Protein backbone atom coordinates (compact mmCIF):
# COMPACT_ATOMS: atom_id res chain seq x y z
CA ILE A 1 112.81 80.90 99.53
CA LEU A 2 113.27 83.17 96.55
CA ALA A 3 113.37 82.49 92.81
CA HIS A 4 115.82 80.16 91.10
CA SER A 5 118.95 82.15 90.33
CA ARG A 6 119.44 80.78 86.81
CA TYR A 7 116.38 79.10 85.29
CA THR A 8 114.11 81.54 83.51
CA GLY A 9 110.56 81.78 84.81
CA GLN A 10 111.28 79.73 87.93
CA LEU A 11 109.73 81.95 90.57
CA ASN A 12 106.78 81.63 92.90
CA VAL A 13 104.25 84.10 91.47
CA PRO A 14 101.85 84.10 94.49
CA ASP A 15 104.74 84.66 96.93
CA GLN A 16 104.75 87.95 98.86
CA PHE A 17 108.21 88.90 97.59
CA THR A 18 107.29 88.29 93.94
CA ARG A 19 104.09 90.27 94.45
CA LEU A 20 106.10 93.15 95.90
CA ILE A 21 108.57 93.27 93.00
CA LEU A 22 105.71 93.09 90.47
CA SER A 23 103.80 95.85 92.27
CA LEU A 24 106.79 98.19 92.55
CA ILE A 25 107.55 97.90 88.84
CA ALA A 26 103.91 97.97 87.68
CA THR A 27 103.04 101.06 89.76
CA GLY A 28 106.39 102.76 89.23
CA ILE A 29 106.59 104.01 92.81
CA ALA A 30 108.50 102.97 95.93
CA PRO A 31 109.07 104.52 99.34
CA GLY A 32 112.23 106.47 100.03
CA SER A 33 112.92 103.59 102.40
CA PHE A 34 110.92 100.58 103.53
CA TYR A 35 112.39 101.05 107.01
CA GLN A 36 111.85 103.52 109.83
CA ALA A 37 114.07 106.52 109.26
CA HIS A 38 116.93 107.49 111.52
CA ALA A 39 116.77 110.89 113.20
CA THR A 40 119.71 111.85 110.98
CA GLY A 41 117.65 111.19 107.87
CA GLU A 42 120.12 108.56 106.65
CA ARG A 43 118.78 105.39 105.10
CA PRO A 44 118.60 102.70 107.78
CA LEU A 45 120.92 99.73 107.44
CA ALA A 46 118.72 96.66 107.07
CA HIS A 47 118.90 93.12 105.73
CA TYR A 48 116.42 91.06 103.70
CA ASP A 49 116.46 87.42 104.70
CA GLY A 50 116.00 85.33 101.57
CA LEU A 51 117.81 82.56 99.72
CA PRO A 52 117.62 81.53 96.06
CA ALA A 53 115.60 78.35 95.48
CA ASP A 54 118.47 76.53 93.78
CA PHE A 55 120.85 77.18 96.69
CA THR A 56 118.21 76.11 99.22
CA ALA A 57 117.44 72.89 97.33
CA SER A 58 121.14 72.11 96.97
CA ALA A 59 121.77 72.73 100.68
CA ILE A 60 118.86 70.52 101.74
CA THR A 61 120.02 67.78 99.38
CA ALA A 62 123.56 67.96 100.77
CA LEU A 63 122.55 68.15 104.43
CA GLY A 64 119.73 65.57 104.30
CA PRO A 65 121.85 62.38 104.19
CA ILE A 66 123.90 63.31 107.27
CA GLU A 67 123.45 60.60 109.93
CA GLY A 68 121.42 61.43 113.01
CA PHE A 69 118.81 64.05 113.69
CA HIS A 70 119.66 67.65 112.88
CA THR A 71 117.72 70.83 112.51
CA TYR A 72 118.89 73.84 110.56
CA ASP A 73 117.68 77.42 110.43
CA SER A 74 117.93 77.80 106.66
CA VAL A 75 118.17 81.57 106.60
CA ASN A 76 120.43 84.18 105.07
CA PRO A 77 122.48 85.17 108.14
CA HIS A 78 124.58 87.92 106.61
CA ALA A 79 124.61 91.34 108.24
CA ASP A 80 125.35 92.79 104.81
CA GLY A 81 122.97 95.73 104.59
CA ILE A 82 121.27 94.24 101.52
CA SER A 83 117.61 95.18 101.92
CA LEU A 84 114.39 96.01 100.12
CA ASP A 85 115.80 99.50 99.58
CA ASN A 86 118.75 98.04 97.66
CA PHE A 87 116.38 95.98 95.53
CA VAL A 88 114.59 99.15 94.43
CA ASP A 89 117.98 100.77 93.70
CA TRP A 90 118.97 97.79 91.57
CA LEU A 91 115.70 97.83 89.63
CA ILE A 92 116.10 101.57 88.97
CA ASP A 93 119.72 101.02 87.87
CA ALA A 94 118.48 98.27 85.51
CA GLY A 95 116.23 100.81 83.80
CA TYR A 96 112.89 100.25 85.51
CA PRO A 97 111.21 103.66 85.97
CA ILE A 98 110.48 103.65 89.68
CA GLN A 99 110.01 106.97 91.50
CA ARG A 100 110.86 107.10 95.19
CA ILE A 101 108.45 108.95 97.48
CA ASP A 102 110.14 110.08 100.69
CA ASN A 103 107.00 110.34 102.82
CA TYR A 104 106.09 106.74 103.63
CA THR A 105 102.39 107.43 104.32
CA GLU A 106 102.06 109.31 101.04
CA TRP A 107 103.80 106.45 99.23
CA PHE A 108 101.54 103.84 100.82
CA ASN A 109 98.36 105.74 99.90
CA ARG A 110 99.51 106.29 96.32
CA PHE A 111 100.71 102.68 96.06
CA ASP A 112 97.34 101.39 97.29
CA THR A 113 95.49 103.51 94.73
CA ALA A 114 97.89 102.56 91.92
CA ILE A 115 97.61 98.83 92.64
CA ARG A 116 93.82 99.00 92.62
CA GLY A 117 94.04 100.71 89.21
CA LEU A 118 96.24 98.03 87.61
CA PRO A 119 94.87 95.84 84.81
CA GLU A 120 93.08 92.81 86.26
CA LYS A 121 95.84 90.29 85.43
CA GLN A 122 98.46 92.40 87.23
CA LYS A 123 96.12 93.22 90.09
CA GLN A 124 95.51 89.48 90.69
CA HIS A 125 99.24 88.93 91.15
CA SER A 126 99.96 92.21 92.93
CA LEU A 127 100.58 92.88 96.60
CA LEU A 128 96.93 93.91 97.06
CA PRO A 129 95.86 90.98 99.33
CA LEU A 130 98.96 91.50 101.48
CA LEU A 131 99.13 95.28 101.33
CA HIS A 132 98.35 95.65 105.04
CA ALA A 133 101.83 94.28 105.81
CA TYR A 134 103.33 97.42 104.24
CA ARG A 135 101.08 100.04 105.86
CA TYR A 136 103.95 101.16 108.11
CA PRO A 137 107.72 101.19 107.62
CA GLN A 138 109.52 98.16 108.99
CA HIS A 139 112.03 98.20 111.82
CA ALA A 140 115.52 97.99 110.36
CA HIS A 141 117.44 94.91 111.39
CA ASN A 142 120.78 94.08 109.78
CA GLY A 143 121.14 90.32 110.09
CA ALA A 144 119.13 87.16 110.62
CA PHE A 145 116.43 86.84 113.26
CA LEU A 146 117.44 83.22 113.83
CA PRO A 147 120.89 81.78 114.45
CA ALA A 148 122.25 79.98 111.41
CA VAL A 149 125.57 78.76 112.76
CA ARG A 150 124.75 75.06 112.26
CA PHE A 151 123.30 75.73 108.79
CA ARG A 152 126.33 77.78 107.74
CA GLU A 153 128.76 75.17 109.08
CA GLY A 154 126.79 72.34 107.46
CA VAL A 155 126.70 74.06 104.08
CA HIS A 156 130.41 74.81 104.30
CA THR A 157 131.28 71.22 105.24
CA ALA A 158 128.91 69.51 102.78
CA GLN A 159 129.35 71.87 99.82
CA ASN A 160 132.58 73.75 100.53
CA THR A 161 130.74 77.03 99.98
CA ASP A 162 129.09 79.75 102.01
CA ILE A 163 125.49 80.88 102.15
CA PRO A 164 125.10 83.37 99.29
CA HIS A 165 124.35 87.06 99.61
CA LEU A 166 121.41 88.34 97.60
CA THR A 167 122.50 89.96 94.36
CA ARG A 168 121.42 92.53 91.82
CA ASP A 169 121.30 89.78 89.19
CA LEU A 170 118.72 87.79 91.17
CA ILE A 171 116.48 90.82 91.72
CA VAL A 172 116.67 91.93 88.09
CA LYS A 173 115.91 88.32 87.09
CA TYR A 174 112.60 88.66 88.95
CA ALA A 175 111.65 91.53 86.65
CA THR A 176 112.79 89.63 83.56
CA ASP A 177 110.84 86.53 84.63
CA LEU A 178 107.70 88.56 85.36
CA ARG A 179 107.96 90.09 81.90
CA GLN A 180 108.41 86.64 80.35
CA LEU A 181 105.31 85.42 82.20
CA GLY A 182 103.33 88.32 80.73
CA LEU A 183 102.82 90.11 84.05
CA LEU A 184 104.83 93.22 83.11
């Protein structure tokens, strides 16, 4: 569950995703790609599975009263190629000075050093306690790891809408919210 898409400051600061966005902006460095490279050198097509908090709350509220017992995989099922790499692109396009480092190992080592050198307040909210999860590039997967057919159908029936794709506006809102909270 990601930040609220509209309300300012409504994000989960200790969340891994928030910590990643904070750390990328605060250190000013990102890998060329968060995913294992193709032999061709092209950026792998991957998908980040997250949903805005307001959509998730609305979906749960709409699906909850349905009679009987139902389970839903509340995931972002789109095979849309929207990934961590796109988030870095969007932050750069929004004016955040982030340098990409093509060699993943070099990036990780520099990122580790840069995070440890952040001011204490930023370091406390950085990716430092979870840094081990980023030691190696991830396997690229374009789509959800769980089926979301029932969730998608339920959302469509109950709310006459589809599960949203992640957007540039939501990712840039993270940076704006972190600045408002005094972390950037």
